Amino acid sequence: QAPVYRKRSAGDRYARQAGRNVVDAALVNDVHLLAPFTVYGFPDTPVELVKTHEDGETKSILSFYGFIAVKALDKYGNPVSNVELGLTALPPDPNTGSRGGHSRRNAGRDLSHKSNSQGF
């Protein structure tokens, strides 16, 4: 099922990804709802950043390495939309033993984030 995007409240600047659940019910005595209803489930506060792309290659310093792609997840593993992130690039580390001071071991560990209204 394709994700849906909705504003959780009127004050939201952007729509958020939400889970759409259509509910229909019946009792054992054959009493049914007049019509199914839709419930939207929104993710909780983000607690984790997960890399979504890594090719594991080592590149020379001052050359294009690729792009950085991460997703923010809540404590249940649901993706959280519209989380503002920042990035701090560390200087090369000659002790990593790789060309250009970059190794797979420390790749992506310097991601940081800026606080937003959810405290993430």
PDB file of N, CA and C in Angstrom:
ATOM      1  N   GLN A   1       0.844  -1.173   0.000  1.00  0.00           N
ATOM      2  CA  GLN A   1       0.000   0.000   0.000  1.00  0.00           C
ATOM      3  C   GLN A   1       0.890   1.238   0.000  1.00  0.00           C
ATOM      4  N   ALA A   2       0.575   2.192  -0.828  1.00  0.00           N
ATOM      5  CA  ALA A   2       1.350   3.423  -0.945  1.00  0.00           C
ATOM      6  C   ALA A   2       1.182   4.279   0.310  1.00  0.00           C
ATOM      7  N   PRO A   3       2.253   4.946   0.734  1.00  0.00           N
ATOM      8  CA  PRO A   3       2.122   5.810   1.911  1.00  0.00           C
ATOM      9  C   PRO A   3       1.219   7.005   1.610  1.00  0.00           C
ATOM     10  N   VAL A   4       0.616   7.542   2.646  1.00  0.00           N
ATOM     11  CA  VAL A   4      -0.197   8.746   2.522  1.00  0.00           C
ATOM     12  C   VAL A   4       0.487   9.857   3.302  1.00  0.00           C
ATOM     13  N   TYR A   5       0.226  11.079   2.907  1.00  0.00           N
ATOM     14  CA  TYR A   5       0.834  12.234   3.557  1.00  0.00           C
ATOM     15  C   TYR A   5      -0.268  13.165   4.014  1.00  0.00           C
ATOM     16  N   ARG A   6      -0.248  13.509   5.302  1.00  0.00           N
ATOM     17  CA  ARG A   6      -1.282  14.357   5.891  1.00  0.00           C
ATOM     18  C   ARG A   6      -0.641  15.276   6.908  1.00  0.00           C
ATOM     19  N   LYS A   7      -1.284  16.421   7.118  1.00  0.00           N
ATOM     20  CA  LYS A   7      -0.868  17.305   8.212  1.00  0.00           C
ATOM     21  C   LYS A   7      -1.544  16.806   9.480  1.00  0.00           C
ATOM     22  N   ARG A   8      -0.740  16.662  10.534  1.00  0.00           N
ATOM     23  CA  ARG A   8      -1.289  16.162  11.792  1.00  0.00           C
ATOM     24  C   ARG A   8      -2.117  17.235  12.492  1.00  0.00           C
ATOM     25  N   SER A   9      -1.670  18.486  12.367  1.00  0.00           N
ATOM     26  CA  SER A   9      -2.420  19.595  12.950  1.00  0.00           C
ATOM     27  C   SER A   9      -2.343  20.791  12.005  1.00  0.00           C
ATOM     28  N   ALA A  10      -3.203  21.761  12.227  1.00  0.00           N
ATOM     29  CA  ALA A  10      -3.262  22.932  11.347  1.00  0.00           C
ATOM     30  C   ALA A  10      -1.954  23.716  11.374  1.00  0.00           C
ATOM     31  N   GLY A  11      -1.196  23.629  12.453  1.00  0.00           N
ATOM     32  CA  GLY A  11       0.060  24.368  12.572  1.00  0.00           C
ATOM     33  C   GLY A  11       1.242  23.715  11.876  1.00  0.00           C
ATOM     34  N   ASP A  12       1.081  22.501  11.366  1.00  0.00           N
ATOM     35  CA  ASP A  12       2.180  21.824  10.672  1.00  0.00           C
ATOM     36  C   ASP A  12       2.509  22.548   9.373  1.00  0.00           C
ATOM     37  N   ARG A  13       3.792  22.746   9.128  1.00  0.00           N
ATOM     38  CA  ARG A  13       4.224  23.395   7.888  1.00  0.00           C
ATOM     39  C   ARG A  13       4.129  22.427   6.711  1.00  0.00           C
ATOM     40  N   TYR A  14       4.507  21.176   6.944  1.00  0.00           N
ATOM     41  CA  TYR A  14       4.524  20.171   5.885  1.00  0.00           C
ATOM     42  C   TYR A  14       3.672  18.968   6.282  1.00  0.00           C
ATOM     43  N   ALA A  15       3.217  18.256   5.276  1.00  0.00           N
ATOM     44  CA  ALA A  15       2.505  17.009   5.533  1.00  0.00           C
ATOM     45  C   ALA A  15       3.507  15.953   5.983  1.00  0.00           C
ATOM     46  N   ARG A  16       3.054  15.012   6.773  1.00  0.00           N
ATOM     47  CA  ARG A  16       3.905  13.921   7.267  1.00  0.00           C
ATOM     48  C   ARG A  16       3.431  12.604   6.685  1.00  0.00           C
ATOM     49  N   GLN A  17       4.364  11.665   6.566  1.00  0.00           N
ATOM     50  CA  GLN A  17       3.970  10.325   6.131  1.00  0.00           C
ATOM     51  C   GLN A  17       3.192   9.670   7.260  1.00  0.00           C
ATOM     52  N   ALA A  18       2.088   9.043   6.913  1.00  0.00           N
ATOM     53  CA  ALA A  18       1.234   8.409   7.915  1.00  0.00           C
ATOM     54  C   ALA A  18       0.772   7.058   7.396  1.00  0.00           C
ATOM     55  N   GLY A  19       0.394   6.198   8.318  1.00  0.00           N
ATOM     56  CA  GLY A  19      -0.194   4.910   7.949  1.00  0.00           C
ATOM     57  C   GLY A  19      -1.702   5.070   7.850  1.00  0.00           C
ATOM     58  N   ARG A  20      -2.296   4.548   6.790  1.00  0.00           N
ATOM     59  CA  ARG A  20      -3.742   4.648   6.590  1.00  0.00           C
ATOM     60  C   ARG A  20      -4.360   3.283   6.891  1.00  0.00           C
ATOM     61  N   ASN A  21      -5.304   3.283   7.810  1.00  0.00           N
ATOM     62  CA  ASN A  21      -5.969   2.043   8.215  1.00  0.00           C
ATOM     63  C   ASN A  21      -7.474   2.193   8.024  1.00  0.00           C
ATOM     64  N   VAL A  22      -8.058   1.341   7.184  1.00  0.00           N
ATOM     65  CA  VAL A  22      -9.505   1.346   6.976  1.00  0.00           C
ATOM     66  C   VAL A  22     -10.081   0.250   7.869  1.00  0.00           C
ATOM     67  N   VAL A  23     -11.044   0.632   8.719  1.00  0.00           N
ATOM     68  CA  VAL A  23     -11.578  -0.285   9.722  1.00  0.00           C
ATOM     69  C   VAL A  23     -13.048  -0.568   9.431  1.00  0.00           C
ATOM     70  N   ASP A  24     -13.395  -1.841   9.437  1.00  0.00           N
ATOM     71  CA  ASP A  24     -14.784  -2.277   9.341  1.00  0.00           C
ATOM     72  C   ASP A  24     -14.955  -3.342  10.422  1.00  0.00           C
ATOM     73  N   ALA A  25     -16.105  -3.402  11.033  1.00  0.00           N
ATOM     74  CA  ALA A  25     -16.296  -4.354  12.127  1.00  0.00           C
ATOM     75  C   ALA A  25     -17.732  -4.890  12.116  1.00  0.00           C
ATOM     76  N   ALA A  26     -17.873  -6.062  12.707  1.00  0.00           N
ATOM     77  CA  ALA A  26     -19.199  -6.668  12.876  1.00  0.00           C
ATOM     78  C   ALA A  26     -19.188  -7.475  14.161  1.00  0.00           C
ATOM     79  N   LEU A  27     -20.336  -7.513  14.835  1.00  0.00           N
ATOM     80  CA  LEU A  27     -20.488  -8.323  16.040  1.00  0.00           C
ATOM     81  C   LEU A  27     -20.989  -9.709  15.664  1.00  0.00           C
ATOM     82  N   VAL A  28     -20.904 -10.644  16.588  1.00  0.00           N
ATOM     83  CA  VAL A  28     -21.345 -12.006  16.305  1.00  0.00           C
ATOM     84  C   VAL A  28     -22.839 -12.089  16.018  1.00  0.00           C
ATOM     85  N   ASN A  29     -23.613 -11.116  16.524  1.00  0.00           N
ATOM     86  CA  ASN A  29     -25.061 -11.133  16.267  1.00  0.00           C
ATOM     87  C   ASN A  29     -25.411 -10.398  14.967  1.00  0.00           C
ATOM     88  N   ASP A  30     -24.425 -10.254  14.072  1.00  0.00           N
ATOM     89  CA  ASP A  30     -24.591  -9.693  12.733  1.00  0.00           C
ATOM     90  C   ASP A  30     -24.892  -8.191  12.728  1.00  0.00           C
ATOM     91  N   VAL A  31     -24.492  -7.478  13.774  1.00  0.00           N
ATOM     92  CA  VAL A  31     -24.600  -6.018  13.800  1.00  0.00           C
ATOM     93  C   VAL A  31     -23.318  -5.463  13.185  1.00  0.00           C
ATOM     94  N   HIS A  32     -23.473  -4.625  12.165  1.00  0.00           N
ATOM     95  CA  HIS A  32     -22.326  -4.070  11.436  1.00  0.00           C
ATOM     96  C   HIS A  32     -22.252  -2.556  11.626  1.00  0.00           C
ATOM     97  N   LEU A  33     -21.071  -2.021  11.395  1.00  0.00           N
ATOM     98  CA  LEU A  33     -20.933  -0.567  11.312  1.00  0.00           C
ATOM     99  C   LEU A  33     -21.726  -0.089  10.102  1.00  0.00           C
ATOM    100  N   LEU A  34     -22.228   1.129  10.159  1.00  0.00           N
ATOM    101  CA  LEU A  34     -22.948   1.670   9.005  1.00  0.00           C
ATOM    102  C   LEU A  34     -22.014   1.856   7.821  1.00  0.00           C
ATOM    103  N   ALA A  35     -20.761   2.201   8.110  1.00  0.00           N
ATOM    104  CA  ALA A  35     -19.766   2.386   7.044  1.00  0.00           C
ATOM    105  C   ALA A  35     -18.380   2.210   7.650  1.00  0.00           C
ATOM    106  N   PRO A  36     -17.447   1.682   6.893  1.00  0.00           N
ATOM    107  CA  PRO A  36     -16.071   1.608   7.393  1.00  0.00           C
ATOM    108  C   PRO A  36     -15.536   3.018   7.662  1.00  0.00           C
ATOM    109  N   PHE A  37     -14.564   3.124   8.542  1.00  0.00           N
ATOM    110  CA  PHE A  37     -13.954   4.428   8.802  1.00  0.00           C
ATOM    111  C   PHE A  37     -12.443   4.321   8.640  1.00  0.00           C
ATOM    112  N   THR A  38     -11.812   5.460   8.426  1.00  0.00           N
ATOM    113  CA  THR A  38     -10.366   5.520   8.196  1.00  0.00           C
ATOM    114  C   THR A  38      -9.683   6.161   9.388  1.00  0.00           C
ATOM    115  N   VAL A  39      -8.587   5.542   9.824  1.00  0.00           N
ATOM    116  CA  VAL A  39      -7.775   6.056  10.923  1.00  0.00           C
ATOM    117  C   VAL A  39      -6.367   6.245  10.392  1.00  0.00           C
ATOM    118  N   TYR A  40      -5.757   7.387  10.706  1.00  0.00           N
ATOM    119  CA  TYR A  40      -4.379   7.659  10.293  1.00  0.00           C
ATOM    120  C   TYR A  40      -3.470   7.541  11.501  1.00  0.00           C
ATOM    121  N   GLY A  41      -2.410   6.756  11.345  1.00  0.00           N
ATOM    122  CA  GLY A  41      -1.425   6.590  12.400  1.00  0.00           C
ATOM    123  C   GLY A  41      -0.166   7.364  12.057  1.00  0.00           C
ATOM    124  N   PHE A  42       0.246   8.268  12.945  1.00  0.00           N
ATOM    125  CA  PHE A  42       1.446   9.068  12.723  1.00  0.00           C
ATOM    126  C   PHE A  42       2.605   8.506  13.532  1.00  0.00           C
ATOM    127  N   PRO A  43       3.831   8.663  13.026  1.00  0.00           N
ATOM    128  CA  PRO A  43       4.992   8.156  13.765  1.00  0.00           C
ATOM    129  C   PRO A  43       5.224   8.942  15.048  1.00  0.00           C
ATOM    130  N   ASP A  44       5.968   8.331  15.941  1.00  0.00           N
ATOM    131  CA  ASP A  44       6.353   8.962  17.207  1.00  0.00           C
ATOM    132  C   ASP A  44       7.554   9.878  16.951  1.00  0.00           C
ATOM    133  N   THR A  45       8.138  10.424  17.990  1.00  0.00           N
ATOM    134  CA  THR A  45       9.319  11.279  17.899  1.00  0.00           C
ATOM    135  C   THR A  45      10.494  10.486  17.328  1.00  0.00           C
ATOM    136  N   PRO A  46      11.273  11.069  16.414  1.00  0.00           N
ATOM    137  CA  PRO A  46      12.423  10.336  15.862  1.00  0.00           C
ATOM    138  C   PRO A  46      13.491  10.083  16.925  1.00  0.00           C
ATOM    139  N   VAL A  47      14.069   8.887  16.898  1.00  0.00           N
ATOM    140  CA  VAL A  47      15.111   8.524  17.864  1.00  0.00           C
ATOM    141  C   VAL A  47      16.366   7.976  17.197  1.00  0.00           C
ATOM    142  N   GLU A  48      16.326   7.738  15.885  1.00  0.00           N
ATOM    143  CA  GLU A  48      17.451   7.076  15.225  1.00  0.00           C
ATOM    144  C   GLU A  48      17.578   7.555  13.781  1.00  0.00           C
ATOM    145  N   LEU A  49      18.824   7.690  13.325  1.00  0.00           N
ATOM    146  CA  LEU A  49      19.113   7.950  11.916  1.00  0.00           C
ATOM    147  C   LEU A  49      19.730   6.697  11.324  1.00  0.00           C
ATOM    148  N   VAL A  50      19.230   6.266  10.173  1.00  0.00           N
ATOM    149  CA  VAL A  50      19.719   5.056   9.519  1.00  0.00           C
ATOM    150  C   VAL A  50      20.181   5.416   8.117  1.00  0.00           C
ATOM    151  N   LYS A  51      21.392   4.998   7.760  1.00  0.00           N
ATOM    152  CA  LYS A  51      21.884   5.225   6.405  1.00  0.00           C
ATOM    153  C   LYS A  51      21.081   4.371   5.434  1.00  0.00           C
ATOM    154  N   THR A  52      20.675   4.966   4.326  1.00  0.00           N
ATOM    155  CA  THR A  52      19.926   4.220   3.321  1.00  0.00           C
ATOM    156  C   THR A  52      20.768   3.923   2.094  1.00  0.00           C
ATOM    157  N   HIS A  53      21.978   4.466   2.045  1.00  0.00           N
ATOM    158  CA  HIS A  53      22.864   4.218   0.908  1.00  0.00           C
ATOM    159  C   HIS A  53      24.302   4.220   1.395  1.00  0.00           C
ATOM    160  N   GLU A  54      25.022   3.191   1.056  1.00  0.00           N
ATOM    161  CA  GLU A  54      26.455   3.131   1.318  1.00  0.00           C
ATOM    162  C   GLU A  54      27.024   2.084   0.378  1.00  0.00           C
ATOM    163  N   ASP A  55      27.999   2.507  -0.428  1.00  0.00           N
ATOM    164  CA  ASP A  55      28.592   1.545  -1.350  1.00  0.00           C
ATOM    165  C   ASP A  55      29.864   0.920  -0.793  1.00  0.00           C
ATOM    166  N   GLY A  56      30.374   1.442   0.336  1.00  0.00           N
ATOM    167  CA  GLY A  56      31.537   0.846   0.970  1.00  0.00           C
ATOM    168  C   GLY A  56      32.854   1.110   0.286  1.00  0.00           C
ATOM    169  N   GLU A  57      32.859   1.942  -0.739  1.00  0.00           N
ATOM    170  CA  GLU A  57      34.106   2.224  -1.446  1.00  0.00           C
ATOM    171  C   GLU A  57      34.943   3.244  -0.692  1.00  0.00           C
ATOM    172  N   THR A  58      36.245   3.197  -0.906  1.00  0.00           N
ATOM    173  CA  THR A  58      37.160   4.198  -0.384  1.00  0.00           C
ATOM    174  C   THR A  58      37.611   5.063  -1.543  1.00  0.00           C
ATOM    175  N   LYS A  59      37.553   6.368  -1.361  1.00  0.00           N
ATOM    176  CA  LYS A  59      37.921   7.309  -2.417  1.00  0.00           C
ATOM    177  C   LYS A  59      39.070   8.185  -1.950  1.00  0.00           C
ATOM    178  N   SER A  60      39.769   8.772  -2.905  1.00  0.00           N
ATOM    179  CA  SER A  60      40.840   9.717  -2.595  1.00  0.00           C
ATOM    180  C   SER A  60      40.249  11.010  -2.057  1.00  0.00           C
ATOM    181  N   ILE A  61      41.022  11.684  -1.246  1.00  0.00           N
ATOM    182  CA  ILE A  61      40.601  12.961  -0.699  1.00  0.00           C
ATOM    183  C   ILE A  61      40.380  13.959  -1.842  1.00  0.00           C
ATOM    184  N   LEU A  62      39.453  14.867  -1.676  1.00  0.00           N
ATOM    185  CA  LEU A  62      39.080  15.895  -2.651  1.00  0.00           C
ATOM    186  C   LEU A  62      38.485  15.305  -3.926  1.00  0.00           C
ATOM    187  N   SER A  63      37.909  14.131  -3.846  1.00  0.00           N
ATOM    188  CA  SER A  63      37.201  13.555  -4.985  1.00  0.00           C
ATOM    189  C   SER A  63      35.766  13.282  -4.560  1.00  0.00           C
ATOM    190  N   PHE A  64      34.871  13.160  -5.539  1.00  0.00           N
ATOM    191  CA  PHE A  64      33.464  12.920  -5.239  1.00  0.00           C
ATOM    192  C   PHE A  64      33.299  11.518  -4.665  1.00  0.00           C
ATOM    193  N   TYR A  65      32.709  11.422  -3.509  1.00  0.00           N
ATOM    194  CA  TYR A  65      32.503  10.127  -2.862  1.00  0.00           C
ATOM    195  C   TYR A  65      31.116   9.571  -3.165  1.00  0.00           C
ATOM    196  N   GLY A  66      30.157  10.432  -3.311  1.00  0.00           N
ATOM    197  CA  GLY A  66      28.783   9.979  -3.513  1.00  0.00           C
ATOM    198  C   GLY A  66      27.853  10.879  -2.743  1.00  0.00           C
ATOM    199  N   PHE A  67      26.685  10.392  -2.449  1.00  0.00           N
ATOM    200  CA  PHE A  67      25.725  11.188  -1.705  1.00  0.00           C
ATOM    201  C   PHE A  67      25.454  10.530  -0.359  1.00  0.00           C
ATOM    202  N   ILE A  68      24.873  11.316   0.517  1.00  0.00           N
ATOM    203  CA  ILE A  68      24.514  10.823   1.845  1.00  0.00           C
ATOM    204  C   ILE A  68      22.996  10.729   1.890  1.00  0.00           C
ATOM    205  N   ALA A  69      22.489   9.588   2.259  1.00  0.00           N
ATOM    206  CA  ALA A  69      21.048   9.403   2.378  1.00  0.00           C
ATOM    207  C   ALA A  69      20.753   8.718   3.712  1.00  0.00           C
ATOM    208  N   VAL A  70      19.937   9.348   4.519  1.00  0.00           N
ATOM    209  CA  VAL A  70      19.540   8.784   5.804  1.00  0.00           C
ATOM    210  C   VAL A  70      18.034   8.921   5.957  1.00  0.00           C
ATOM    211  N   LYS A  71      17.477   8.092   6.813  1.00  0.00           N
ATOM    212  CA  LYS A  71      16.071   8.259   7.177  1.00  0.00           C
ATOM    213  C   LYS A  71      15.981   8.287   8.693  1.00  0.00           C
ATOM    214  N   ALA A  72      15.060   9.082   9.188  1.00  0.00           N
ATOM    215  CA  ALA A  72      14.809   9.177  10.622  1.00  0.00           C
ATOM    216  C   ALA A  72      13.716   8.177  10.971  1.00  0.00           C
ATOM    217  N   LEU A  73      13.934   7.434  12.053  1.00  0.00           N
ATOM    218  CA  LEU A  73      12.965   6.426  12.495  1.00  0.00           C
ATOM    219  C   LEU A  73      12.523   6.713  13.922  1.00  0.00           C
ATOM    220  N   ASP A  74      11.283   6.374  14.234  1.00  0.00           N
ATOM    221  CA  ASP A  74      10.818   6.465  15.616  1.00  0.00           C
ATOM    222  C   ASP A  74      11.179   5.175  16.356  1.00  0.00           C
ATOM    223  N   LYS A  75      10.788   5.060  17.612  1.00  0.00           N
ATOM    224  CA  LYS A  75      11.184   3.886  18.411  1.00  0.00           C
ATOM    225  C   LYS A  75      10.562   2.585  17.914  1.00  0.00           C
ATOM    226  N   TYR A  76       9.572   2.662  17.033  1.00  0.00           N
ATOM    227  CA  TYR A  76       8.942   1.470  16.478  1.00  0.00           C
ATOM    228  C   TYR A  76       9.456   1.132  15.083  1.00  0.00           C
ATOM    229  N   GLY A  77      10.400   1.939  14.567  1.00  0.00           N
ATOM    230  CA  GLY A  77      10.935   1.704  13.229  1.00  0.00           C
ATOM    231  C   GLY A  77      10.144   2.363  12.115  1.00  0.00           C
ATOM    232  N   ASN A  78       9.192   3.225  12.466  1.00  0.00           N
ATOM    233  CA  ASN A  78       8.415   3.946  11.460  1.00  0.00           C
ATOM    234  C   ASN A  78       9.210   5.138  10.947  1.00  0.00           C
ATOM    235  N   PRO A  79       9.170   5.416   9.638  1.00  0.00           N
ATOM    236  CA  PRO A  79       9.873   6.594   9.121  1.00  0.00           C
ATOM    237  C   PRO A  79       9.187   7.880   9.575  1.00  0.00           C
ATOM    238  N   VAL A  80      10.000   8.906   9.881  1.00  0.00           N
ATOM    239  CA  VAL A  80       9.493  10.204  10.320  1.00  0.00           C
ATOM    240  C   VAL A  80       9.854  11.225   9.251  1.00  0.00           C
ATOM    241  N   SER A  81       8.861  11.901   8.709  1.00  0.00           N
ATOM    242  CA  SER A  81       9.069  12.890   7.651  1.00  0.00           C
ATOM    243  C   SER A  81       9.511  14.235   8.218  1.00  0.00           C
ATOM    244  N   ASN A  82      10.169  15.026   7.362  1.00  0.00           N
ATOM    245  CA  ASN A  82      10.457  16.444   7.615  1.00  0.00           C
ATOM    246  C   ASN A  82      11.327  16.701   8.832  1.00  0.00           C
ATOM    247  N   VAL A  83      12.305  15.852   9.081  1.00  0.00           N
ATOM    248  CA  VAL A  83      13.252  16.079  10.167  1.00  0.00           C
ATOM    249  C   VAL A  83      14.425  16.866   9.599  1.00  0.00           C
ATOM    250  N   GLU A  84      14.710  18.023  10.179  1.00  0.00           N
ATOM    251  CA  GLU A  84      15.809  18.852   9.698  1.00  0.00           C
ATOM    252  C   GLU A  84      17.127  18.297  10.226  1.00  0.00           C
ATOM    253  N   LEU A  85      18.076  18.075   9.323  1.00  0.00           N
ATOM    254  CA  LEU A  85      19.374  17.514   9.686  1.00  0.00           C
ATOM    255  C   LEU A  85      20.485  18.466   9.298  1.00  0.00           C
ATOM    256  N   GLY A  86      21.605  18.353   9.979  1.00  0.00           N
ATOM    257  CA  GLY A  86      22.816  19.073   9.626  1.00  0.00           C
ATOM    258  C   GLY A  86      23.947  18.073   9.507  1.00  0.00           C
ATOM    259  N   LEU A  87      25.006  18.441   8.847  1.00  0.00           N
ATOM    260  CA  LEU A  87      26.136  17.542   8.636  1.00  0.00           C
ATOM    261  C   LEU A  87      27.420  18.273   8.980  1.00  0.00           C
ATOM    262  N   THR A  88      28.264  17.613   9.722  1.00  0.00           N
ATOM    263  CA  THR A  88      29.591  18.136  10.020  1.00  0.00           C
ATOM    264  C   THR A  88      30.606  17.160   9.448  1.00  0.00           C
ATOM    265  N   ALA A  89      31.415  17.637   8.511  1.00  0.00           N
ATOM    266  CA  ALA A  89      32.452  16.790   7.916  1.00  0.00           C
ATOM    267  C   ALA A  89      33.702  16.878   8.784  1.00  0.00           C
ATOM    268  N   LEU A  90      34.228  15.740   9.162  1.00  0.00           N
ATOM    269  CA  LEU A  90      35.439  15.695   9.979  1.00  0.00           C
ATOM    270  C   LEU A  90      36.671  15.794   9.088  1.00  0.00           C
ATOM    271  N   PRO A  91      37.771  16.320   9.636  1.00  0.00           N
ATOM    272  CA  PRO A  91      38.998  16.350   8.841  1.00  0.00           C
ATOM    273  C   PRO A  91      39.524  14.932   8.639  1.00  0.00           C
ATOM    274  N   PRO A  92      40.357  14.726   7.608  1.00  0.00           N
ATOM    275  CA  PRO A  92      40.930  13.389   7.387  1.00  0.00           C
ATOM    276  C   PRO A  92      41.697  12.903   8.610  1.00  0.00           C
ATOM    277  N   ASP A  93      41.632  11.620   8.854  1.00  0.00           N
ATOM    278  CA  ASP A  93      42.322  11.008   9.984  1.00  0.00           C
ATOM    279  C   ASP A  93      43.410  10.093   9.447  1.00  0.00           C
ATOM    280  N   PRO A  94      44.694  10.463   9.619  1.00  0.00           N
ATOM    281  CA  PRO A  94      45.774   9.636   9.078  1.00  0.00           C
ATOM    282  C   PRO A  94      45.891   8.281   9.768  1.00  0.00           C
ATOM    283  N   ASN A  95      45.205   8.077  10.888  1.00  0.00           N
ATOM    284  CA  ASN A  95      45.310   6.819  11.631  1.00  0.00           C
ATOM    285  C   ASN A  95      44.319   5.756  11.176  1.00  0.00           C
ATOM    286  N   THR A  96      43.512   6.048  10.156  1.00  0.00           N
ATOM    287  CA  THR A  96      42.535   5.053   9.714  1.00  0.00           C
ATOM    288  C   THR A  96      43.147   3.991   8.819  1.00  0.00           C
ATOM    289  N   GLY A  97      44.309   4.267   8.253  1.00  0.00           N
ATOM    290  CA  GLY A  97      44.979   3.280   7.415  1.00  0.00           C
ATOM    291  C   GLY A  97      44.419   3.197   6.010  1.00  0.00           C
ATOM    292  N   SER A  98      43.644   4.182   5.582  1.00  0.00           N
ATOM    293  CA  SER A  98      43.106   4.156   4.231  1.00  0.00           C
ATOM    294  C   SER A  98      43.515   5.429   3.499  1.00  0.00           C
ATOM    295  N   ARG A  99      43.467   5.377   2.183  1.00  0.00           N
ATOM    296  CA  ARG A  99      43.798   6.563   1.400  1.00  0.00           C
ATOM    297  C   ARG A  99      42.795   7.658   1.707  1.00  0.00           C
ATOM    298  N   GLY A 100      43.300   8.881   1.869  1.00  0.00           N
ATOM    299  CA  GLY A 100      42.404  10.012   2.071  1.00  0.00           C
ATOM    300  C   GLY A 100      41.811  10.091   3.461  1.00  0.00           C
ATOM    301  N   GLY A 101      42.225   9.220   4.370  1.00  0.00           N
ATOM    302  CA  GLY A 101      41.730   9.299   5.739  1.00  0.00           C
ATOM    303  C   GLY A 101      40.283   8.874   5.900  1.00  0.00           C
ATOM    304  N   HIS A 102      39.749   8.133   4.955  1.00  0.00           N
ATOM    305  CA  HIS A 102      38.357   7.708   5.050  1.00  0.00           C
ATOM    306  C   HIS A 102      38.310   6.190   5.070  1.00  0.00           C
ATOM    307  N   SER A 103      37.542   5.649   5.939  1.00  0.00           N
ATOM    308  CA  SER A 103      37.398   4.193   5.960  1.00  0.00           C
ATOM    309  C   SER A 103      35.937   3.842   6.159  1.00  0.00           C
ATOM    310  N   ARG A 104      35.583   2.654   5.809  1.00  0.00           N
ATOM    311  CA  ARG A 104      34.202   2.203   5.981  1.00  0.00           C
ATOM    312  C   ARG A 104      33.844   2.157   7.461  1.00  0.00           C
ATOM    313  N   ARG A 105      34.844   1.914   8.302  1.00  0.00           N
ATOM    314  CA  ARG A 105      34.612   1.806   9.733  1.00  0.00           C
ATOM    315  C   ARG A 105      34.037   3.100  10.312  1.00  0.00           C
ATOM    316  N   ASN A 106      34.514   4.255   9.847  1.00  0.00           N
ATOM    317  CA  ASN A 106      34.026   5.503  10.414  1.00  0.00           C
ATOM    318  C   ASN A 106      33.126   6.278   9.448  1.00  0.00           C
ATOM    319  N   ALA A 107      32.724   5.679   8.357  1.00  0.00           N
ATOM    320  CA  ALA A 107      31.865   6.364   7.386  1.00  0.00           C
ATOM    321  C   ALA A 107      30.511   6.675   8.008  1.00  0.00           C
ATOM    322  N   GLY A 108      30.076   7.898   7.860  1.00  0.00           N
ATOM    323  CA  GLY A 108      28.737   8.287   8.286  1.00  0.00           C
ATOM    324  C   GLY A 108      28.543   8.466   9.770  1.00  0.00           C
ATOM    325  N   ARG A 109      29.559   8.309  10.574  1.00  0.00           N
ATOM    326  CA  ARG A 109      29.387   8.417  12.019  1.00  0.00           C
ATOM    327  C   ARG A 109      29.413   9.861  12.506  1.00  0.00           C
ATOM    328  N   ASP A 110      29.665  10.807  11.595  1.00  0.00           N
ATOM    329  CA  ASP A 110      29.725  12.205  11.992  1.00  0.00           C
ATOM    330  C   ASP A 110      28.437  12.952  11.670  1.00  0.00           C
ATOM    331  N   LEU A 111      27.336  12.232  11.447  1.00  0.00           N
ATOM    332  CA  LEU A 111      26.057  12.886  11.197  1.00  0.00           C
ATOM    333  C   LEU A 111      25.549  13.509  12.487  1.00  0.00           C
ATOM    334  N   SER A 112      25.057  14.706  12.384  1.00  0.00           N
ATOM    335  CA  SER A 112      24.455  15.369  13.532  1.00  0.00           C
ATOM    336  C   SER A 112      23.098  15.884  13.103  1.00  0.00           C
ATOM    337  N   HIS A 113      22.369  16.422  14.014  1.00  0.00           N
ATOM    338  CA  HIS A 113      21.048  16.946  13.662  1.00  0.00           C
ATOM    339  C   HIS A 113      20.806  18.254  14.388  1.00  0.00           C
ATOM    340  N   LYS A 114      19.861  19.015  13.877  1.00  0.00           N
ATOM    341  CA  LYS A 114      19.429  20.243  14.516  1.00  0.00           C
ATOM    342  C   LYS A 114      18.112  19.952  15.211  1.00  0.00           C
ATOM    343  N   SER A 115      17.881  20.577  16.343  1.00  0.00           N
ATOM    344  CA  SER A 115      16.629  20.363  17.062  1.00  0.00           C
ATOM    345  C   SER A 115      15.459  20.949  16.292  1.00  0.00           C
ATOM    346  N   ASN A 116      14.348  20.269  16.376  1.00  0.00           N
ATOM    347  CA  ASN A 116      13.106  20.820  15.832  1.00  0.00           C
ATOM    348  C   ASN A 116      12.073  20.822  16.954  1.00  0.00           C
ATOM    349  N   SER A 117      10.839  21.091  16.614  1.00  0.00           N
ATOM    350  CA  SER A 117       9.813  21.223  17.644  1.00  0.00           C
ATOM    351  C   SER A 117       9.564  19.923  18.399  1.00  0.00           C
ATOM    352  N   GLN A 118       9.963  18.762  17.812  1.00  0.00           N
ATOM    353  CA  GLN A 118       9.791  17.491  18.523  1.00  0.00           C
ATOM    354  C   GLN A 118      10.994  17.164  19.404  1.00  0.00           C
ATOM    355  N   GLY A 119      11.990  18.057  19.476  1.00  0.00           N
ATOM    356  CA  GLY A 119      13.154  17.824  20.317  1.00  0.00           C
ATOM    357  C   GLY A 119      14.177  16.902  19.703  1.00  0.00           C
ATOM    358  N   PHE A 120      14.083  16.652  18.418  1.00  0.00           N
ATOM    359  CA  PHE A 120      15.055  15.779  17.748  1.00  0.00           C
ATOM    360  C   PHE A 120      16.029  16.597  16.968  1.00  0.00           C
TER     361      PHE A 120
END
